[in-house]
């Protein structure tokens, strides 16, 4: 098995084509295993770094999430996310999906703009 996953290049292409799409690869433990220099935390915590603080009700966030909002993003994406304009698709292990769902619901993403596909 060699090379990057095939969807990575599709996401990079979408990032190049659209101003409102930003590809931010996020690996939860990679900084312990390789010389990875991208985002290295759970995806729900990385997402918080990219929120538009003026468009987000930060008081609605559970205390455990509040510290991440003040962290600077690792990537070079200058855009910040307005939760009212966000569509979220979460796919993966159930525990991860539940945690991401908790974060996006806490910042005000409406249910009709959240789609979750969990397994395991």
N, C-alpha and C. Protein backbone atom coordinates (compact mmCIF):
# COMPACT_ATOMS: atom_id res chain seq x y z
N UNK A 1 0.86 -1.16 0.00
CA UNK A 1 0.00 0.00 0.00
C UNK A 1 0.91 1.23 0.00
N UNK A 2 0.79 2.08 -1.00
CA UNK A 2 1.64 3.25 -1.07
C UNK A 2 0.88 4.47 -1.53
N UNK A 3 1.42 5.61 -1.21
CA UNK A 3 0.85 6.87 -1.66
C UNK A 3 -0.31 7.32 -0.79
N UNK A 4 -0.74 8.55 -1.02
CA UNK A 4 -1.83 9.11 -0.23
C UNK A 4 -3.18 8.50 -0.61
N UNK A 5 -4.15 8.57 0.30
CA UNK A 5 -5.49 8.08 -0.04
C UNK A 5 -6.04 8.85 -1.24
N UNK A 6 -6.82 8.20 -2.09
CA UNK A 6 -7.30 8.84 -3.32
C UNK A 6 -8.19 10.07 -3.06
N UNK A 7 -8.90 10.10 -1.95
CA UNK A 7 -9.78 11.23 -1.70
C UNK A 7 -9.01 12.49 -1.35
N UNK A 8 -7.77 12.36 -0.91
CA UNK A 8 -6.98 13.54 -0.54
C UNK A 8 -6.84 14.49 -1.72
N UNK A 9 -6.50 13.95 -2.89
CA UNK A 9 -6.34 14.81 -4.06
C UNK A 9 -7.68 15.41 -4.51
N UNK A 10 -8.77 14.67 -4.32
CA UNK A 10 -10.09 15.22 -4.64
C UNK A 10 -10.41 16.41 -3.74
N UNK A 11 -10.08 16.29 -2.45
CA UNK A 11 -10.30 17.41 -1.53
C UNK A 11 -9.39 18.59 -1.87
N UNK A 12 -8.16 18.32 -2.22
CA UNK A 12 -7.24 19.41 -2.60
C UNK A 12 -7.77 20.13 -3.84
N UNK A 13 -8.27 19.38 -4.81
CA UNK A 13 -8.82 19.99 -6.02
C UNK A 13 -10.04 20.85 -5.68
N UNK A 14 -10.90 20.37 -4.84
CA UNK A 14 -12.08 21.14 -4.43
C UNK A 14 -11.64 22.43 -3.73
N UNK A 15 -10.62 22.34 -2.91
CA UNK A 15 -10.07 23.51 -2.22
C UNK A 15 -9.58 24.55 -3.24
N UNK A 16 -8.92 24.09 -4.29
CA UNK A 16 -8.42 24.99 -5.33
C UNK A 16 -9.55 25.62 -6.15
N UNK A 17 -10.64 24.89 -6.33
CA UNK A 17 -11.74 25.34 -7.18
C UNK A 17 -12.72 26.28 -6.49
N UNK A 18 -12.87 26.17 -5.17
CA UNK A 18 -13.93 26.89 -4.47
C UNK A 18 -13.39 27.75 -3.34
N UNK A 19 -13.84 28.99 -3.30
CA UNK A 19 -13.40 29.91 -2.26
C UNK A 19 -13.93 29.55 -0.88
N UNK A 20 -15.07 28.88 -0.84
CA UNK A 20 -15.71 28.59 0.45
C UNK A 20 -15.46 27.16 0.94
N UNK A 21 -14.47 26.49 0.35
CA UNK A 21 -14.11 25.13 0.78
C UNK A 21 -12.63 25.15 1.14
N UNK A 22 -12.31 24.65 2.34
CA UNK A 22 -10.93 24.65 2.80
C UNK A 22 -10.59 23.27 3.33
N UNK A 23 -9.60 22.66 2.71
CA UNK A 23 -9.16 21.32 3.09
C UNK A 23 -8.09 21.46 4.18
N UNK A 24 -8.40 20.92 5.37
CA UNK A 24 -7.47 20.96 6.49
C UNK A 24 -7.29 19.53 7.00
N UNK A 25 -6.28 18.82 6.49
CA UNK A 25 -6.04 17.47 6.98
C UNK A 25 -5.72 17.51 8.48
N UNK A 26 -6.34 16.61 9.21
CA UNK A 26 -6.20 16.59 10.66
C UNK A 26 -5.96 15.16 11.12
N UNK A 27 -4.85 14.95 11.79
CA UNK A 27 -4.49 13.64 12.29
C UNK A 27 -4.37 13.71 13.81
N UNK A 28 -5.01 12.81 14.50
CA UNK A 28 -5.09 12.93 15.96
C UNK A 28 -3.80 12.55 16.69
N UNK A 29 -3.00 11.65 16.15
CA UNK A 29 -1.81 11.22 16.89
C UNK A 29 -0.53 11.26 16.06
N UNK A 30 -0.61 11.75 14.87
CA UNK A 30 0.52 11.64 13.95
C UNK A 30 1.78 12.35 14.45
N UNK A 31 1.65 13.40 15.24
CA UNK A 31 2.84 14.09 15.71
C UNK A 31 3.71 13.20 16.60
N UNK A 32 3.15 12.13 17.11
CA UNK A 32 3.93 11.19 17.91
C UNK A 32 4.63 10.14 17.05
N UNK A 33 4.21 9.99 15.81
CA UNK A 33 4.69 8.89 14.99
C UNK A 33 5.60 9.33 13.84
N UNK A 34 5.42 10.54 13.33
CA UNK A 34 6.19 10.99 12.16
C UNK A 34 6.54 12.46 12.32
N UNK A 35 7.00 13.05 11.23
CA UNK A 35 7.33 14.47 11.24
C UNK A 35 6.18 15.32 10.68
N UNK A 36 4.96 14.84 10.80
CA UNK A 36 3.77 15.55 10.35
C UNK A 36 3.74 16.96 10.93
N UNK A 37 3.44 17.97 10.09
CA UNK A 37 3.43 19.36 10.57
C UNK A 37 2.05 20.00 10.49
N UNK A 38 1.05 19.23 10.10
CA UNK A 38 -0.31 19.76 10.01
C UNK A 38 -1.02 19.72 11.36
N UNK A 39 -2.35 19.86 11.32
CA UNK A 39 -3.15 19.82 12.54
C UNK A 39 -3.02 18.45 13.19
N UNK A 40 -2.84 18.44 14.50
CA UNK A 40 -2.68 17.18 15.23
C UNK A 40 -3.49 17.20 16.51
N UNK A 41 -4.76 17.04 16.36
CA UNK A 41 -5.64 16.91 17.51
C UNK A 41 -6.91 16.25 16.99
N UNK A 42 -7.84 16.01 17.88
CA UNK A 42 -9.11 15.46 17.42
C UNK A 42 -9.80 16.51 16.55
N UNK A 43 -10.48 16.04 15.52
CA UNK A 43 -11.06 16.94 14.52
C UNK A 43 -12.00 17.97 15.14
N UNK A 44 -12.77 17.60 16.16
CA UNK A 44 -13.69 18.56 16.76
C UNK A 44 -12.94 19.71 17.42
N UNK A 45 -11.76 19.47 17.94
CA UNK A 45 -10.97 20.54 18.55
C UNK A 45 -10.33 21.42 17.48
N UNK A 46 -9.86 20.80 16.40
CA UNK A 46 -9.29 21.59 15.30
C UNK A 46 -10.34 22.48 14.66
N UNK A 47 -11.54 21.98 14.50
CA UNK A 47 -12.62 22.77 13.93
C UNK A 47 -12.82 24.07 14.72
N UNK A 48 -12.74 23.99 16.03
CA UNK A 48 -12.96 25.17 16.87
C UNK A 48 -11.95 26.28 16.59
N UNK A 49 -10.75 25.93 16.18
CA UNK A 49 -9.72 26.93 15.88
C UNK A 49 -10.09 27.78 14.67
N UNK A 50 -10.93 27.24 13.79
CA UNK A 50 -11.25 27.90 12.53
C UNK A 50 -12.58 28.65 12.57
N UNK A 51 -13.22 28.73 13.73
CA UNK A 51 -14.50 29.43 13.84
C UNK A 51 -14.31 30.94 13.79
N UNK A 52 -15.29 31.62 13.22
CA UNK A 52 -15.33 33.08 13.26
C UNK A 52 -15.84 33.46 14.64
N UNK A 53 -14.98 34.00 15.48
CA UNK A 53 -15.36 34.29 16.86
C UNK A 53 -16.45 35.34 16.96
N UNK A 54 -16.56 36.21 15.98
CA UNK A 54 -17.62 37.23 16.00
C UNK A 54 -18.97 36.65 15.60
N UNK A 55 -18.98 35.56 14.85
CA UNK A 55 -20.23 34.95 14.38
C UNK A 55 -20.63 33.74 15.21
N UNK A 56 -19.86 33.44 16.25
CA UNK A 56 -20.10 32.24 17.04
C UNK A 56 -20.45 32.61 18.47
N UNK A 57 -21.48 31.99 19.01
CA UNK A 57 -21.83 32.19 20.41
C UNK A 57 -20.89 31.34 21.25
N UNK A 58 -19.76 31.92 21.59
CA UNK A 58 -18.74 31.19 22.33
C UNK A 58 -19.19 30.81 23.73
N UNK A 59 -20.14 31.55 24.28
CA UNK A 59 -20.67 31.22 25.60
C UNK A 59 -21.47 29.93 25.60
N UNK A 60 -21.93 29.51 24.42
CA UNK A 60 -22.71 28.28 24.30
C UNK A 60 -21.83 27.04 24.31
N UNK A 61 -20.53 27.23 24.15
CA UNK A 61 -19.63 26.08 24.12
C UNK A 61 -19.42 25.51 25.51
N UNK A 62 -19.41 24.20 25.63
CA UNK A 62 -19.05 23.58 26.91
C UNK A 62 -17.62 24.01 27.28
N UNK A 63 -17.35 24.11 28.56
CA UNK A 63 -16.04 24.57 29.04
C UNK A 63 -14.88 23.78 28.43
N UNK A 64 -15.08 22.49 28.23
CA UNK A 64 -13.99 21.67 27.70
C UNK A 64 -13.58 22.07 26.28
N UNK A 65 -14.43 22.80 25.56
CA UNK A 65 -14.12 23.22 24.20
C UNK A 65 -13.60 24.65 24.12
N UNK A 66 -13.89 25.46 25.10
CA UNK A 66 -13.61 26.89 25.04
C UNK A 66 -12.13 27.20 24.81
N UNK A 67 -11.24 26.46 25.41
CA UNK A 67 -9.81 26.74 25.27
C UNK A 67 -9.32 26.61 23.82
N UNK A 68 -9.91 25.73 23.06
CA UNK A 68 -9.46 25.50 21.69
C UNK A 68 -9.78 26.67 20.76
N UNK A 69 -10.81 27.44 21.07
CA UNK A 69 -11.20 28.57 20.22
C UNK A 69 -10.07 29.59 20.13
N UNK A 70 -9.31 29.74 21.20
CA UNK A 70 -8.23 30.72 21.23
C UNK A 70 -6.92 30.24 20.60
N UNK A 71 -6.85 28.97 20.27
CA UNK A 71 -5.62 28.44 19.67
C UNK A 71 -5.53 28.87 18.21
N UNK A 72 -4.33 29.16 17.78
CA UNK A 72 -4.10 29.53 16.38
C UNK A 72 -4.09 28.27 15.52
N UNK A 73 -4.71 28.33 14.36
CA UNK A 73 -4.66 27.18 13.45
C UNK A 73 -3.23 26.91 13.00
N UNK A 74 -2.93 25.66 12.75
CA UNK A 74 -1.61 25.28 12.27
C UNK A 74 -1.50 25.55 10.78
N UNK A 75 -2.58 25.33 10.05
CA UNK A 75 -2.57 25.49 8.60
C UNK A 75 -2.56 26.94 8.16
N UNK A 76 -2.45 27.13 6.87
CA UNK A 76 -2.40 28.48 6.32
C UNK A 76 -3.75 28.98 5.81
N UNK A 77 -4.83 28.41 6.30
CA UNK A 77 -6.17 28.85 5.92
C UNK A 77 -6.52 30.10 6.72
N UNK A 78 -6.73 31.20 6.01
CA UNK A 78 -7.07 32.46 6.68
C UNK A 78 -8.56 32.59 6.96
N UNK A 79 -9.38 31.85 6.23
CA UNK A 79 -10.83 31.95 6.38
C UNK A 79 -11.28 31.45 7.74
N UNK A 80 -12.34 32.04 8.23
CA UNK A 80 -12.95 31.59 9.48
C UNK A 80 -14.40 31.21 9.20
N UNK A 81 -14.88 30.22 9.92
CA UNK A 81 -16.19 29.62 9.65
C UNK A 81 -17.28 30.30 10.47
N UNK A 82 -18.34 30.68 9.78
CA UNK A 82 -19.55 31.19 10.41
C UNK A 82 -20.48 29.99 10.57
N UNK A 83 -20.81 29.60 11.80
CA UNK A 83 -21.66 28.42 11.99
C UNK A 83 -23.01 28.51 11.27
N UNK A 84 -23.52 29.72 11.04
CA UNK A 84 -24.79 29.86 10.33
C UNK A 84 -24.66 29.53 8.85
N UNK A 85 -23.44 29.50 8.33
CA UNK A 85 -23.22 29.21 6.92
C UNK A 85 -22.51 27.87 6.73
N UNK A 86 -22.51 27.05 7.76
CA UNK A 86 -21.75 25.81 7.74
C UNK A 86 -22.65 24.61 7.45
N UNK A 87 -22.17 23.73 6.58
CA UNK A 87 -22.79 22.43 6.36
C UNK A 87 -21.77 21.40 6.81
N UNK A 88 -22.21 20.41 7.59
CA UNK A 88 -21.28 19.45 8.17
C UNK A 88 -21.69 18.04 7.80
N UNK A 89 -20.73 17.30 7.29
CA UNK A 89 -20.89 15.87 7.05
C UNK A 89 -19.82 15.18 7.87
N UNK A 90 -20.22 14.32 8.79
CA UNK A 90 -19.30 13.60 9.66
C UNK A 90 -19.43 12.11 9.36
N UNK A 91 -18.31 11.48 9.11
CA UNK A 91 -18.32 10.05 8.82
C UNK A 91 -17.14 9.41 9.53
N UNK A 92 -17.42 8.35 10.29
CA UNK A 92 -16.34 7.65 10.96
C UNK A 92 -16.85 6.86 12.14
N UNK A 93 -15.93 6.57 13.03
CA UNK A 93 -16.25 5.81 14.23
C UNK A 93 -17.27 6.59 15.07
N UNK A 94 -18.22 5.87 15.63
CA UNK A 94 -19.32 6.48 16.37
C UNK A 94 -18.89 7.47 17.44
N UNK A 95 -17.88 7.14 18.23
CA UNK A 95 -17.44 8.04 19.30
C UNK A 95 -16.96 9.37 18.73
N UNK A 96 -16.22 9.35 17.63
CA UNK A 96 -15.75 10.57 16.99
C UNK A 96 -16.93 11.36 16.44
N UNK A 97 -17.84 10.68 15.78
CA UNK A 97 -19.02 11.36 15.21
C UNK A 97 -19.84 12.04 16.30
N UNK A 98 -20.01 11.36 17.42
CA UNK A 98 -20.77 11.94 18.54
C UNK A 98 -20.10 13.21 19.05
N UNK A 99 -18.79 13.19 19.19
CA UNK A 99 -18.08 14.36 19.71
C UNK A 99 -18.11 15.52 18.74
N UNK A 100 -17.93 15.24 17.45
CA UNK A 100 -18.01 16.31 16.45
C UNK A 100 -19.43 16.89 16.43
N UNK A 101 -20.42 16.02 16.49
CA UNK A 101 -21.81 16.47 16.52
C UNK A 101 -22.07 17.38 17.71
N UNK A 102 -21.55 17.02 18.88
CA UNK A 102 -21.73 17.87 20.06
C UNK A 102 -21.15 19.26 19.85
N UNK A 103 -19.98 19.33 19.23
CA UNK A 103 -19.35 20.63 18.99
C UNK A 103 -20.15 21.45 18.00
N UNK A 104 -20.50 20.87 16.86
CA UNK A 104 -21.19 21.67 15.85
C UNK A 104 -22.58 22.09 16.31
N UNK A 105 -23.24 21.25 17.08
CA UNK A 105 -24.54 21.66 17.64
C UNK A 105 -24.34 22.77 18.68
N UNK A 106 -23.28 22.71 19.46
CA UNK A 106 -23.00 23.74 20.47
C UNK A 106 -22.75 25.10 19.85
N UNK A 107 -22.15 25.12 18.66
CA UNK A 107 -21.87 26.42 18.03
C UNK A 107 -23.02 26.90 17.16
N UNK A 108 -24.09 26.12 17.06
CA UNK A 108 -25.29 26.60 16.40
C UNK A 108 -25.55 26.10 15.00
N UNK A 109 -24.86 25.06 14.55
CA UNK A 109 -25.17 24.50 13.25
C UNK A 109 -26.54 23.83 13.34
N UNK A 110 -27.43 24.22 12.43
CA UNK A 110 -28.79 23.69 12.48
C UNK A 110 -28.83 22.23 12.01
N UNK A 111 -29.76 21.49 12.57
CA UNK A 111 -29.87 20.05 12.33
C UNK A 111 -29.96 19.71 10.84
N UNK A 112 -30.65 20.52 10.06
CA UNK A 112 -30.80 20.20 8.64
C UNK A 112 -29.50 20.37 7.85
N UNK A 113 -28.49 20.97 8.46
CA UNK A 113 -27.18 21.13 7.82
C UNK A 113 -26.12 20.21 8.42
N UNK A 114 -26.57 19.21 9.16
CA UNK A 114 -25.67 18.24 9.77
C UNK A 114 -26.09 16.85 9.35
N UNK A 115 -25.14 16.13 8.75
CA UNK A 115 -25.40 14.76 8.34
C UNK A 115 -24.30 13.88 8.94
N UNK A 116 -24.70 12.82 9.62
CA UNK A 116 -23.76 11.96 10.32
C UNK A 116 -23.92 10.52 9.84
N UNK A 117 -22.80 9.90 9.56
CA UNK A 117 -22.76 8.51 9.16
C UNK A 117 -21.71 7.83 10.04
N UNK A 118 -22.19 7.15 11.08
CA UNK A 118 -21.23 6.56 12.03
C UNK A 118 -21.29 5.04 11.98
N UNK A 119 -20.20 4.45 12.39
CA UNK A 119 -20.10 2.99 12.45
C UNK A 119 -19.18 2.60 13.59
N UNK A 120 -19.28 1.36 14.00
CA UNK A 120 -18.38 0.82 15.02
C UNK A 120 -18.62 1.23 16.42
